Amino acid sequence: MNRKLIRPTLSEIQDQLGTRIQRRKPTPPEQTSAENFYYIKQMQARTRMVVVLDGGEIIHGVIEWYDKNCIKVHRQNEPNLLIMKSAVRYMYKDPEFREGGNGNGFPNIE
């Protein structure tokens, strides 16, 4: 009783793998709305922000308005600025701003 071992050839295995549907991860959405959520949260709370531009300039103020390409920063005792998002290196909450300010987004001056 000689039994013959049946083993598929390499080309047969490759053909079987080729017929399977390749499952890929779906591409992430272009817009996640995380940025929109962040801007809305800071605008509603009138959080004083520090915006650092690509040229190294530092802007202090409250984000008053935003759209796809730019943000409007309200500054106390200085002109308001419309800043292109492409010119912003990064931004963060102003650490000098004390909670419980005067309600306009600027710290109490004592």
PDB file of N, CA and C in Angstrom:
ATOM      1  N   MET A   1       0.797  -1.172   0.000  1.00  0.00           N
ATOM      2  CA  MET A   1       0.000   0.000   0.000  1.00  0.00           C
ATOM      3  C   MET A   1       0.853   1.255   0.000  1.00  0.00           C
ATOM      4  N   ASN A   2       1.158   1.644  -1.113  1.00  0.00           N
ATOM      5  CA  ASN A   2       1.857   2.910  -1.257  1.00  0.00           C
ATOM      6  C   ASN A   2       0.829   4.024  -1.440  1.00  0.00           C
ATOM      7  N   ARG A   3       0.937   4.964  -0.536  1.00  0.00           N
ATOM      8  CA  ARG A   3       0.029   6.099  -0.643  1.00  0.00           C
ATOM      9  C   ARG A   3       0.816   7.263  -1.205  1.00  0.00           C
ATOM     10  N   LYS A   4       0.177   7.976  -2.073  1.00  0.00           N
ATOM     11  CA  LYS A   4       0.822   9.123  -2.690  1.00  0.00           C
ATOM     12  C   LYS A   4       0.399  10.375  -1.911  1.00  0.00           C
ATOM     13  N   LEU A   5       1.377  11.139  -1.492  1.00  0.00           N
ATOM     14  CA  LEU A   5       1.114  12.369  -0.769  1.00  0.00           C
ATOM     15  C   LEU A   5       0.699  13.441  -1.769  1.00  0.00           C
ATOM     16  N   ILE A   6      -0.478  14.020  -1.536  1.00  0.00           N
ATOM     17  CA  ILE A   6      -0.966  15.058  -2.441  1.00  0.00           C
ATOM     18  C   ILE A   6      -0.669  16.409  -1.794  1.00  0.00           C
ATOM     19  N   ARG A   7       0.152  17.147  -2.447  1.00  0.00           N
ATOM     20  CA  ARG A   7       0.554  18.450  -1.952  1.00  0.00           C
ATOM     21  C   ARG A   7       0.348  19.467  -3.078  1.00  0.00           C
ATOM     22  N   PRO A   8      -0.307  20.616  -2.756  1.00  0.00           N
ATOM     23  CA  PRO A   8      -0.523  21.599  -3.830  1.00  0.00           C
ATOM     24  C   PRO A   8       0.799  22.243  -4.234  1.00  0.00           C
ATOM     25  N   THR A   9       0.872  22.637  -5.473  1.00  0.00           N
ATOM     26  CA  THR A   9       2.075  23.311  -5.951  1.00  0.00           C
ATOM     27  C   THR A   9       2.024  24.784  -5.532  1.00  0.00           C
ATOM     28  N   LEU A  10       3.136  25.426  -5.606  1.00  0.00           N
ATOM     29  CA  LEU A  10       3.237  26.825  -5.220  1.00  0.00           C
ATOM     30  C   LEU A  10       2.327  27.704  -6.078  1.00  0.00           C
ATOM     31  N   SER A  11       2.227  27.416  -7.351  1.00  0.00           N
ATOM     32  CA  SER A  11       1.372  28.219  -8.235  1.00  0.00           C
ATOM     33  C   SER A  11      -0.099  28.071  -7.851  1.00  0.00           C
ATOM     34  N   GLU A  12      -0.513  26.878  -7.397  1.00  0.00           N
ATOM     35  CA  GLU A  12      -1.897  26.683  -6.962  1.00  0.00           C
ATOM     36  C   GLU A  12      -2.195  27.513  -5.715  1.00  0.00           C
ATOM     37  N   ILE A  13      -1.254  27.584  -4.796  1.00  0.00           N
ATOM     38  CA  ILE A  13      -1.436  28.370  -3.569  1.00  0.00           C
ATOM     39  C   ILE A  13      -1.526  29.847  -3.918  1.00  0.00           C
ATOM     40  N   GLN A  14      -0.678  30.317  -4.815  1.00  0.00           N
ATOM     41  CA  GLN A  14      -0.715  31.718  -5.216  1.00  0.00           C
ATOM     42  C   GLN A  14      -2.026  32.055  -5.911  1.00  0.00           C
ATOM     43  N   ASP A  15      -2.555  31.143  -6.700  1.00  0.00           N
ATOM     44  CA  ASP A  15      -3.846  31.374  -7.363  1.00  0.00           C
ATOM     45  C   ASP A  15      -4.968  31.496  -6.340  1.00  0.00           C
ATOM     46  N   GLN A  16      -4.926  30.650  -5.303  1.00  0.00           N
ATOM     47  CA  GLN A  16      -5.963  30.708  -4.271  1.00  0.00           C
ATOM     48  C   GLN A  16      -5.891  32.025  -3.505  1.00  0.00           C
ATOM     49  N   LEU A  17      -4.682  32.475  -3.187  1.00  0.00           N
ATOM     50  CA  LEU A  17      -4.524  33.739  -2.470  1.00  0.00           C
ATOM     51  C   LEU A  17      -4.933  34.923  -3.337  1.00  0.00           C
ATOM     52  N   GLY A  18      -4.689  34.828  -4.620  1.00  0.00           N
ATOM     53  CA  GLY A  18      -5.035  35.905  -5.538  1.00  0.00           C
ATOM     54  C   GLY A  18      -6.531  36.067  -5.697  1.00  0.00           C
ATOM     55  N   THR A  19      -7.273  35.001  -5.535  1.00  0.00           N
ATOM     56  CA  THR A  19      -8.722  35.092  -5.695  1.00  0.00           C
ATOM     57  C   THR A  19      -9.411  35.652  -4.461  1.00  0.00           C
ATOM     58  N   ARG A  20      -8.755  35.635  -3.327  1.00  0.00           N
ATOM     59  CA  ARG A  20      -9.343  36.207  -2.122  1.00  0.00           C
ATOM     60  C   ARG A  20      -9.431  37.725  -2.261  1.00  0.00           C
ATOM     61  N   ILE A  21     -10.430  38.283  -1.651  1.00  0.00           N
ATOM     62  CA  ILE A  21     -10.585  39.736  -1.670  1.00  0.00           C
ATOM     63  C   ILE A  21      -9.637  40.326  -0.641  1.00  0.00           C
ATOM     64  N   GLN A  22      -8.805  41.218  -1.100  1.00  0.00           N
ATOM     65  CA  GLN A  22      -7.864  41.879  -0.206  1.00  0.00           C
ATOM     66  C   GLN A  22      -8.625  42.912   0.617  1.00  0.00           C
ATOM     67  N   ARG A  23      -8.597  42.764   1.926  1.00  0.00           N
ATOM     68  CA  ARG A  23      -9.272  43.709   2.804  1.00  0.00           C
ATOM     69  C   ARG A  23      -8.276  44.773   3.227  1.00  0.00           C
ATOM     70  N   ARG A  24      -8.600  46.001   2.911  1.00  0.00           N
ATOM     71  CA  ARG A  24      -7.755  47.119   3.284  1.00  0.00           C
ATOM     72  C   ARG A  24      -8.510  47.988   4.272  1.00  0.00           C
ATOM     73  N   LYS A  25      -7.748  48.681   5.076  1.00  0.00           N
ATOM     74  CA  LYS A  25      -8.362  49.629   5.990  1.00  0.00           C
ATOM     75  C   LYS A  25      -8.950  50.769   5.168  1.00  0.00           C
ATOM     76  N   PRO A  26     -10.109  51.232   5.557  1.00  0.00           N
ATOM     77  CA  PRO A  26     -10.666  52.371   4.811  1.00  0.00           C
ATOM     78  C   PRO A  26      -9.813  53.619   5.040  1.00  0.00           C
ATOM     79  N   THR A  27      -9.734  54.449   4.031  1.00  0.00           N
ATOM     80  CA  THR A  27      -8.954  55.670   4.183  1.00  0.00           C
ATOM     81  C   THR A  27      -9.646  56.588   5.187  1.00  0.00           C
ATOM     82  N   PRO A  28      -8.868  57.266   6.009  1.00  0.00           N
ATOM     83  CA  PRO A  28      -9.484  58.149   7.010  1.00  0.00           C
ATOM     84  C   PRO A  28     -10.178  59.328   6.327  1.00  0.00           C
ATOM     85  N   PRO A  29     -11.187  59.875   6.983  1.00  0.00           N
ATOM     86  CA  PRO A  29     -11.887  61.001   6.369  1.00  0.00           C
ATOM     87  C   PRO A  29     -10.995  62.230   6.275  1.00  0.00           C
ATOM     88  N   GLU A  30     -11.259  63.047   5.282  1.00  0.00           N
ATOM     89  CA  GLU A  30     -10.467  64.263   5.090  1.00  0.00           C
ATOM     90  C   GLU A  30     -10.667  65.224   6.259  1.00  0.00           C
ATOM     91  N   GLN A  31     -11.893  65.314   6.761  1.00  0.00           N
ATOM     92  CA  GLN A  31     -12.220  66.229   7.853  1.00  0.00           C
ATOM     93  C   GLN A  31     -12.718  65.422   9.049  1.00  0.00           C
ATOM     94  N   THR A  32     -12.035  65.548  10.197  1.00  0.00           N
ATOM     95  CA  THR A  32     -12.437  64.793  11.384  1.00  0.00           C
ATOM     96  C   THR A  32     -13.289  65.623  12.333  1.00  0.00           C
ATOM     97  N   SER A  33     -13.366  66.906  12.116  1.00  0.00           N
ATOM     98  CA  SER A  33     -14.099  67.876  12.934  1.00  0.00           C
ATOM     99  C   SER A  33     -13.479  68.076  14.315  1.00  0.00           C
ATOM    100  N   ALA A  34     -12.332  67.509  14.605  1.00  0.00           N
ATOM    101  CA  ALA A  34     -11.653  67.749  15.877  1.00  0.00           C
ATOM    102  C   ALA A  34     -11.184  69.204  15.957  1.00  0.00           C
ATOM    103  N   GLU A  35     -10.686  69.720  14.854  1.00  0.00           N
ATOM    104  CA  GLU A  35     -10.234  71.109  14.817  1.00  0.00           C
ATOM    105  C   GLU A  35     -11.418  72.049  15.063  1.00  0.00           C
ATOM    106  N   ASN A  36     -12.542  71.783  14.399  1.00  0.00           N
ATOM    107  CA  ASN A  36     -13.737  72.610  14.585  1.00  0.00           C
ATOM    108  C   ASN A  36     -14.196  72.578  16.035  1.00  0.00           C
ATOM    109  N   PHE A  37     -14.208  71.403  16.641  1.00  0.00           N
ATOM    110  CA  PHE A  37     -14.622  71.258  18.029  1.00  0.00           C
ATOM    111  C   PHE A  37     -13.718  72.087  18.940  1.00  0.00           C
ATOM    112  N   TYR A  38     -12.408  72.046  18.696  1.00  0.00           N
ATOM    113  CA  TYR A  38     -11.453  72.796  19.515  1.00  0.00           C
ATOM    114  C   TYR A  38     -11.704  74.297  19.405  1.00  0.00           C
ATOM    115  N   TYR A  39     -11.855  74.814  18.179  1.00  0.00           N
ATOM    116  CA  TYR A  39     -12.091  76.241  18.002  1.00  0.00           C
ATOM    117  C   TYR A  39     -13.393  76.679  18.660  1.00  0.00           C
ATOM    118  N   ILE A  40     -14.447  75.918  18.490  1.00  0.00           N
ATOM    119  CA  ILE A  40     -15.740  76.273  19.079  1.00  0.00           C
ATOM    120  C   ILE A  40     -15.645  76.296  20.598  1.00  0.00           C
ATOM    121  N   LYS A  41     -14.973  75.315  21.172  1.00  0.00           N
ATOM    122  CA  LYS A  41     -14.816  75.259  22.626  1.00  0.00           C
ATOM    123  C   LYS A  41     -14.073  76.486  23.141  1.00  0.00           C
ATOM    124  N   GLN A  42     -12.987  76.872  22.477  1.00  0.00           N
ATOM    125  CA  GLN A  42     -12.198  78.027  22.912  1.00  0.00           C
ATOM    126  C   GLN A  42     -12.969  79.332  22.700  1.00  0.00           C
ATOM    127  N   MET A  43     -13.744  79.422  21.632  1.00  0.00           N
ATOM    128  CA  MET A  43     -14.526  80.621  21.361  1.00  0.00           C
ATOM    129  C   MET A  43     -15.631  80.792  22.404  1.00  0.00           C
ATOM    130  N   GLN A  44     -16.339  79.718  22.715  1.00  0.00           N
ATOM    131  CA  GLN A  44     -17.428  79.806  23.679  1.00  0.00           C
ATOM    132  C   GLN A  44     -16.920  80.156  25.071  1.00  0.00           C
ATOM    133  N   ALA A  45     -15.784  79.620  25.452  1.00  0.00           N
ATOM    134  CA  ALA A  45     -15.214  79.899  26.771  1.00  0.00           C
ATOM    135  C   ALA A  45     -14.437  81.216  26.787  1.00  0.00           C
ATOM    136  N   ARG A  46     -14.262  81.823  25.611  1.00  0.00           N
ATOM    137  CA  ARG A  46     -13.464  83.049  25.469  1.00  0.00           C
ATOM    138  C   ARG A  46     -12.093  82.874  26.116  1.00  0.00           C
ATOM    139  N   THR A  47     -11.480  81.750  25.813  1.00  0.00           N
ATOM    140  CA  THR A  47     -10.166  81.410  26.353  1.00  0.00           C
ATOM    141  C   THR A  47      -9.098  82.265  25.695  1.00  0.00           C
ATOM    142  N   ARG A  48      -8.274  82.870  26.509  1.00  0.00           N
ATOM    143  CA  ARG A  48      -7.154  83.656  25.972  1.00  0.00           C
ATOM    144  C   ARG A  48      -6.112  82.674  25.436  1.00  0.00           C
ATOM    145  N   MET A  49      -5.695  82.891  24.203  1.00  0.00           N
ATOM    146  CA  MET A  49      -4.788  81.983  23.512  1.00  0.00           C
ATOM    147  C   MET A  49      -3.492  82.700  23.156  1.00  0.00           C
ATOM    148  N   VAL A  50      -2.458  81.894  22.972  1.00  0.00           N
ATOM    149  CA  VAL A  50      -1.181  82.370  22.440  1.00  0.00           C
ATOM    150  C   VAL A  50      -1.011  81.696  21.088  1.00  0.00           C
ATOM    151  N   VAL A  51      -0.859  82.505  20.042  1.00  0.00           N
ATOM    152  CA  VAL A  51      -0.678  81.984  18.687  1.00  0.00           C
ATOM    153  C   VAL A  51       0.742  82.309  18.263  1.00  0.00           C
ATOM    154  N   VAL A  52       1.511  81.283  17.934  1.00  0.00           N
ATOM    155  CA  VAL A  52       2.893  81.473  17.481  1.00  0.00           C
ATOM    156  C   VAL A  52       2.912  81.281  15.967  1.00  0.00           C
ATOM    157  N   LEU A  53       3.369  82.307  15.273  1.00  0.00           N
ATOM    158  CA  LEU A  53       3.399  82.267  13.814  1.00  0.00           C
ATOM    159  C   LEU A  53       4.702  81.665  13.307  1.00  0.00           C
ATOM    160  N   ASP A  54       4.733  81.307  12.030  1.00  0.00           N
ATOM    161  CA  ASP A  54       5.926  80.703  11.433  1.00  0.00           C
ATOM    162  C   ASP A  54       7.152  81.603  11.546  1.00  0.00           C
ATOM    163  N   GLY A  55       6.944  82.911  11.506  1.00  0.00           N
ATOM    164  CA  GLY A  55       8.063  83.851  11.599  1.00  0.00           C
ATOM    165  C   GLY A  55       8.559  84.058  13.014  1.00  0.00           C
ATOM    166  N   GLY A  56       7.933  83.392  14.010  1.00  0.00           N
ATOM    167  CA  GLY A  56       8.349  83.519  15.396  1.00  0.00           C
ATOM    168  C   GLY A  56       7.565  84.570  16.168  1.00  0.00           C
ATOM    169  N   GLU A  57       6.683  85.305  15.495  1.00  0.00           N
ATOM    170  CA  GLU A  57       5.871  86.314  16.176  1.00  0.00           C
ATOM    171  C   GLU A  57       4.880  85.630  17.110  1.00  0.00           C
ATOM    172  N   ILE A  58       4.603  86.284  18.229  1.00  0.00           N
ATOM    173  CA  ILE A  58       3.683  85.736  19.216  1.00  0.00           C
ATOM    174  C   ILE A  58       2.492  86.677  19.347  1.00  0.00           C
ATOM    175  N   ILE A  59       1.292  86.131  19.199  1.00  0.00           N
ATOM    176  CA  ILE A  59       0.059  86.896  19.268  1.00  0.00           C
ATOM    177  C   ILE A  59      -0.734  86.412  20.476  1.00  0.00           C
ATOM    178  N   HIS A  60      -1.182  87.329  21.335  1.00  0.00           N
ATOM    179  CA  HIS A  60      -2.036  87.005  22.477  1.00  0.00           C
ATOM    180  C   HIS A  60      -3.429  87.529  22.181  1.00  0.00           C
ATOM    181  N   GLY A  61      -4.444  86.715  22.417  1.00  0.00           N
ATOM    182  CA  GLY A  61      -5.805  87.180  22.220  1.00  0.00           C
ATOM    183  C   GLY A  61      -6.808  86.050  22.313  1.00  0.00           C
ATOM    184  N   VAL A  62      -8.053  86.386  21.991  1.00  0.00           N
ATOM    185  CA  VAL A  62      -9.161  85.441  22.050  1.00  0.00           C
ATOM    186  C   VAL A  62      -9.609  85.141  20.627  1.00  0.00           C
ATOM    187  N   ILE A  63      -9.806  83.871  20.313  1.00  0.00           N
ATOM    188  CA  ILE A  63     -10.295  83.502  18.982  1.00  0.00           C
ATOM    189  C   ILE A  63     -11.768  83.916  18.911  1.00  0.00           C
ATOM    190  N   GLU A  64     -12.063  84.799  17.988  1.00  0.00           N
ATOM    191  CA  GLU A  64     -13.408  85.338  17.858  1.00  0.00           C
ATOM    192  C   GLU A  64     -14.178  84.640  16.750  1.00  0.00           C
ATOM    193  N   TRP A  65     -13.473  84.154  15.727  1.00  0.00           N
ATOM    194  CA  TRP A  65     -14.115  83.609  14.545  1.00  0.00           C
ATOM    195  C   TRP A  65     -13.097  82.750  13.813  1.00  0.00           C
ATOM    196  N   TYR A  66     -13.561  81.763  13.053  1.00  0.00           N
ATOM    197  CA  TYR A  66     -12.654  80.938  12.256  1.00  0.00           C
ATOM    198  C   TYR A  66     -13.389  80.423  11.028  1.00  0.00           C
ATOM    199  N   ASP A  67     -12.636  80.024  10.028  1.00  0.00           N
ATOM    200  CA  ASP A  67     -13.190  79.293   8.888  1.00  0.00           C
ATOM    201  C   ASP A  67     -12.131  78.311   8.409  1.00  0.00           C
ATOM    202  N   LYS A  68     -12.287  77.812   7.222  1.00  0.00           N
ATOM    203  CA  LYS A  68     -11.394  76.770   6.709  1.00  0.00           C
ATOM    204  C   LYS A  68      -9.941  77.240   6.609  1.00  0.00           C
ATOM    205  N   ASN A  69      -9.736  78.524   6.289  1.00  0.00           N
ATOM    206  CA  ASN A  69      -8.392  79.009   5.994  1.00  0.00           C
ATOM    207  C   ASN A  69      -7.795  79.969   7.013  1.00  0.00           C
ATOM    208  N   CYS A  70      -8.623  80.566   7.890  1.00  0.00           N
ATOM    209  CA  CYS A  70      -8.077  81.588   8.771  1.00  0.00           C
ATOM    210  C   CYS A  70      -8.822  81.650  10.109  1.00  0.00           C
ATOM    211  N   ILE A  71      -8.212  82.391  11.053  1.00  0.00           N
ATOM    212  CA  ILE A  71      -8.838  82.647  12.346  1.00  0.00           C
ATOM    213  C   ILE A  71      -8.779  84.149  12.606  1.00  0.00           C
ATOM    214  N   LYS A  72      -9.770  84.659  13.318  1.00  0.00           N
ATOM    215  CA  LYS A  72      -9.775  86.065  13.715  1.00  0.00           C
ATOM    216  C   LYS A  72      -9.473  86.115  15.204  1.00  0.00           C
ATOM    217  N   VAL A  73      -8.432  86.862  15.577  1.00  0.00           N
ATOM    218  CA  VAL A  73      -8.003  86.962  16.960  1.00  0.00           C
ATOM    219  C   VAL A  73      -8.327  88.360  17.477  1.00  0.00           C
ATOM    220  N   HIS A  74      -9.118  88.415  18.540  1.00  0.00           N
ATOM    221  CA  HIS A  74      -9.466  89.680  19.202  1.00  0.00           C
ATOM    222  C   HIS A  74      -8.404  89.965  20.252  1.00  0.00           C
ATOM    223  N   ARG A  75      -7.801  91.153  20.165  1.00  0.00           N
ATOM    224  CA  ARG A  75      -6.749  91.517  21.111  1.00  0.00           C
ATOM    225  C   ARG A  75      -7.178  92.742  21.897  1.00  0.00           C
ATOM    226  N   GLN A  76      -6.799  92.793  23.154  1.00  0.00           N
ATOM    227  CA  GLN A  76      -7.138  93.916  24.017  1.00  0.00           C
ATOM    228  C   GLN A  76      -6.152  95.055  23.759  1.00  0.00           C
ATOM    229  N   ASN A  77      -6.677  96.253  23.552  1.00  0.00           N
ATOM    230  CA  ASN A  77      -5.886  97.468  23.320  1.00  0.00           C
ATOM    231  C   ASN A  77      -5.009  97.400  22.077  1.00  0.00           C
ATOM    232  N   GLU A  78      -5.294  96.500  21.176  1.00  0.00           N
ATOM    233  CA  GLU A  78      -4.563  96.392  19.911  1.00  0.00           C
ATOM    234  C   GLU A  78      -5.566  96.014  18.830  1.00  0.00           C
ATOM    235  N   PRO A  79      -5.216  96.235  17.568  1.00  0.00           N
ATOM    236  CA  PRO A  79      -6.159  95.867  16.503  1.00  0.00           C
ATOM    237  C   PRO A  79      -6.383  94.351  16.439  1.00  0.00           C
ATOM    238  N   ASN A  80      -7.592  93.976  16.038  1.00  0.00           N
ATOM    239  CA  ASN A  80      -7.885  92.557  15.821  1.00  0.00           C
ATOM    240  C   ASN A  80      -7.124  92.086  14.589  1.00  0.00           C
ATOM    241  N   LEU A  81      -6.818  90.790  14.549  1.00  0.00           N
ATOM    242  CA  LEU A  81      -6.049  90.242  13.429  1.00  0.00           C
ATOM    243  C   LEU A  81      -6.795  89.098  12.772  1.00  0.00           C
ATOM    244  N   LEU A  82      -6.711  89.034  11.468  1.00  0.00           N
ATOM    245  CA  LEU A  82      -7.189  87.890  10.697  1.00  0.00           C
ATOM    246  C   LEU A  82      -5.934  87.142  10.259  1.00  0.00           C
ATOM    247  N   ILE A  83      -5.735  85.937  10.803  1.00  0.00           N
ATOM    248  CA  ILE A  83      -4.491  85.191  10.587  1.00  0.00           C
ATOM    249  C   ILE A  83      -4.782  83.965   9.740  1.00  0.00           C
ATOM    250  N   MET A  84      -4.013  83.794   8.694  1.00  0.00           N
ATOM    251  CA  MET A  84      -4.145  82.595   7.865  1.00  0.00           C
ATOM    252  C   MET A  84      -3.642  81.389   8.659  1.00  0.00           C
ATOM    253  N   LYS A  85      -4.377  80.289   8.618  1.00  0.00           N
ATOM    254  CA  LYS A  85      -3.973  79.090   9.360  1.00  0.00           C
ATOM    255  C   LYS A  85      -2.631  78.557   8.877  1.00  0.00           C
ATOM    256  N   SER A  86      -2.338  78.776   7.603  1.00  0.00           N
ATOM    257  CA  SER A  86      -1.062  78.289   7.062  1.00  0.00           C
ATOM    258  C   SER A  86       0.128  79.026   7.672  1.00  0.00           C
ATOM    259  N   ALA A  87      -0.104  80.207   8.268  1.00  0.00           N
ATOM    260  CA  ALA A  87       0.977  80.977   8.886  1.00  0.00           C
ATOM    261  C   ALA A  87       1.147  80.642  10.368  1.00  0.00           C
ATOM    262  N   VAL A  88       0.256  79.808  10.922  1.00  0.00           N
ATOM    263  CA  VAL A  88       0.311  79.461  12.342  1.00  0.00           C
ATOM    264  C   VAL A  88       1.201  78.248  12.541  1.00  0.00           C
ATOM    265  N   ARG A  89       2.218  78.407  13.373  1.00  0.00           N
ATOM    266  CA  ARG A  89       3.079  77.270  13.708  1.00  0.00           C
ATOM    267  C   ARG A  89       2.374  76.399  14.741  1.00  0.00           C
ATOM    268  N   TYR A  90       1.913  77.015  15.840  1.00  0.00           N
ATOM    269  CA  TYR A  90       1.130  76.302  16.857  1.00  0.00           C
ATOM    270  C   TYR A  90       0.433  77.330  17.730  1.00  0.00           C
ATOM    271  N   MET A  91      -0.510  76.850  18.541  1.00  0.00           N
ATOM    272  CA  MET A  91      -1.215  77.719  19.482  1.00  0.00           C
ATOM    273  C   MET A  91      -1.500  76.944  20.750  1.00  0.00           C
ATOM    274  N   TYR A  92      -1.654  77.682  21.840  1.00  0.00           N
ATOM    275  CA  TYR A  92      -1.943  77.051  23.125  1.00  0.00           C
ATOM    276  C   TYR A  92      -2.655  78.056  24.016  1.00  0.00           C
ATOM    277  N   LYS A  93      -3.260  77.549  25.100  1.00  0.00           N
ATOM    278  CA  LYS A  93      -3.929  78.416  26.054  1.00  0.00           C
ATOM    279  C   LYS A  93      -2.890  79.253  26.784  1.00  0.00           C
ATOM    280  N   ASP A  94      -3.204  80.529  26.987  1.00  0.00           N
ATOM    281  CA  ASP A  94      -2.276  81.447  27.649  1.00  0.00           C
ATOM    282  C   ASP A  94      -2.125  81.050  29.115  1.00  0.00           C
ATOM    283  N   PRO A  95      -0.925  80.667  29.555  1.00  0.00           N
ATOM    284  CA  PRO A  95      -0.744  80.242  30.947  1.00  0.00           C
ATOM    285  C   PRO A  95      -0.881  81.397  31.939  1.00  0.00           C
ATOM    286  N   GLU A  96      -0.744  82.644  31.486  1.00  0.00           N
ATOM    287  CA  GLU A  96      -0.862  83.797  32.370  1.00  0.00           C
ATOM    288  C   GLU A  96      -2.315  84.161  32.645  1.00  0.00           C
ATOM    289  N   PHE A  97      -3.241  83.586  31.885  1.00  0.00           N
ATOM    290  CA  PHE A  97      -4.662  83.880  32.064  1.00  0.00           C
ATOM    291  C   PHE A  97      -5.167  83.172  33.307  1.00  0.00           C
ATOM    292  N   ARG A  98      -5.755  83.919  34.215  1.00  0.00           N
ATOM    293  CA  ARG A  98      -6.289  83.339  35.436  1.00  0.00           C
ATOM    294  C   ARG A  98      -7.759  83.020  35.240  1.00  0.00           C
ATOM    295  N   GLU A  99      -8.185  81.896  35.784  1.00  0.00           N
ATOM    296  CA  GLU A  99      -9.597  81.537  35.742  1.00  0.00           C
ATOM    297  C   GLU A  99     -10.378  82.545  36.561  1.00  0.00           C
ATOM    298  N   GLY A 100     -11.630  82.737  36.198  1.00  0.00           N
ATOM    299  CA  GLY A 100     -12.480  83.658  36.932  1.00  0.00           C
ATOM    300  C   GLY A 100     -12.160  85.099  36.607  1.00  0.00           C
ATOM    301  N   GLY A 101     -11.822  85.367  35.359  1.00  0.00           N
ATOM    302  CA  GLY A 101     -11.502  86.729  34.920  1.00  0.00           C
ATOM    303  C   GLY A 101     -12.755  87.574  34.908  1.00  0.00           C
ATOM    304  N   ASN A 102     -12.720  88.662  34.141  1.00  0.00           N
ATOM    305  CA  ASN A 102     -13.828  89.603  34.130  1.00  0.00           C
ATOM    306  C   ASN A 102     -14.912  89.243  33.107  1.00  0.00           C
ATOM    307  N   GLY A 103     -14.860  88.058  32.536  1.00  0.00           N
ATOM    308  CA  GLY A 103     -15.911  87.601  31.639  1.00  0.00           C
ATOM    309  C   GLY A 103     -15.705  87.953  30.174  1.00  0.00           C
ATOM    310  N   ASN A 104     -14.695  88.757  29.855  1.00  0.00           N
ATOM    311  CA  ASN A 104     -14.475  89.099  28.467  1.00  0.00           C
ATOM    312  C   ASN A 104     -13.296  88.351  27.863  1.00  0.00           C
ATOM    313  N   GLY A 105     -12.768  87.368  28.585  1.00  0.00           N
ATOM    314  CA  GLY A 105     -11.668  86.579  28.054  1.00  0.00           C
ATOM    315  C   GLY A 105     -10.306  87.124  28.391  1.00  0.00           C
ATOM    316  N   PHE A 106     -10.275  88.222  29.143  1.00  0.00           N
ATOM    317  CA  PHE A 106      -9.000  88.815  29.512  1.00  0.00           C
ATOM    318  C   PHE A 106      -8.857  88.774  31.018  1.00  0.00           C
ATOM    319  N   PRO A 107      -7.638  88.668  31.546  1.00  0.00           N
ATOM    320  CA  PRO A 107      -7.451  88.557  33.001  1.00  0.00           C
ATOM    321  C   PRO A 107      -7.791  89.864  33.699  1.00  0.00           C
ATOM    322  N   ASN A 108      -8.148  89.742  34.967  1.00  0.00           N
ATOM    323  CA  ASN A 108      -8.373  90.935  35.788  1.00  0.00           C
ATOM    324  C   ASN A 108      -7.035  91.610  36.040  1.00  0.00           C
ATOM    325  N   ILE A 109      -7.027  92.920  35.948  1.00  0.00           N
ATOM    326  CA  ILE A 109      -5.813  93.678  36.228  1.00  0.00           C
ATOM    327  C   ILE A 109      -6.012  94.341  37.585  1.00  0.00           C
ATOM    328  N   GLU A 110      -5.164  94.015  38.513  1.00  0.00           N
ATOM    329  CA  GLU A 110      -5.304  94.544  39.869  1.00  0.00           C
ATOM    330  C   GLU A 110      -4.105  95.367  40.236  1.00  0.00           C
TER     331      GLU A 110
END
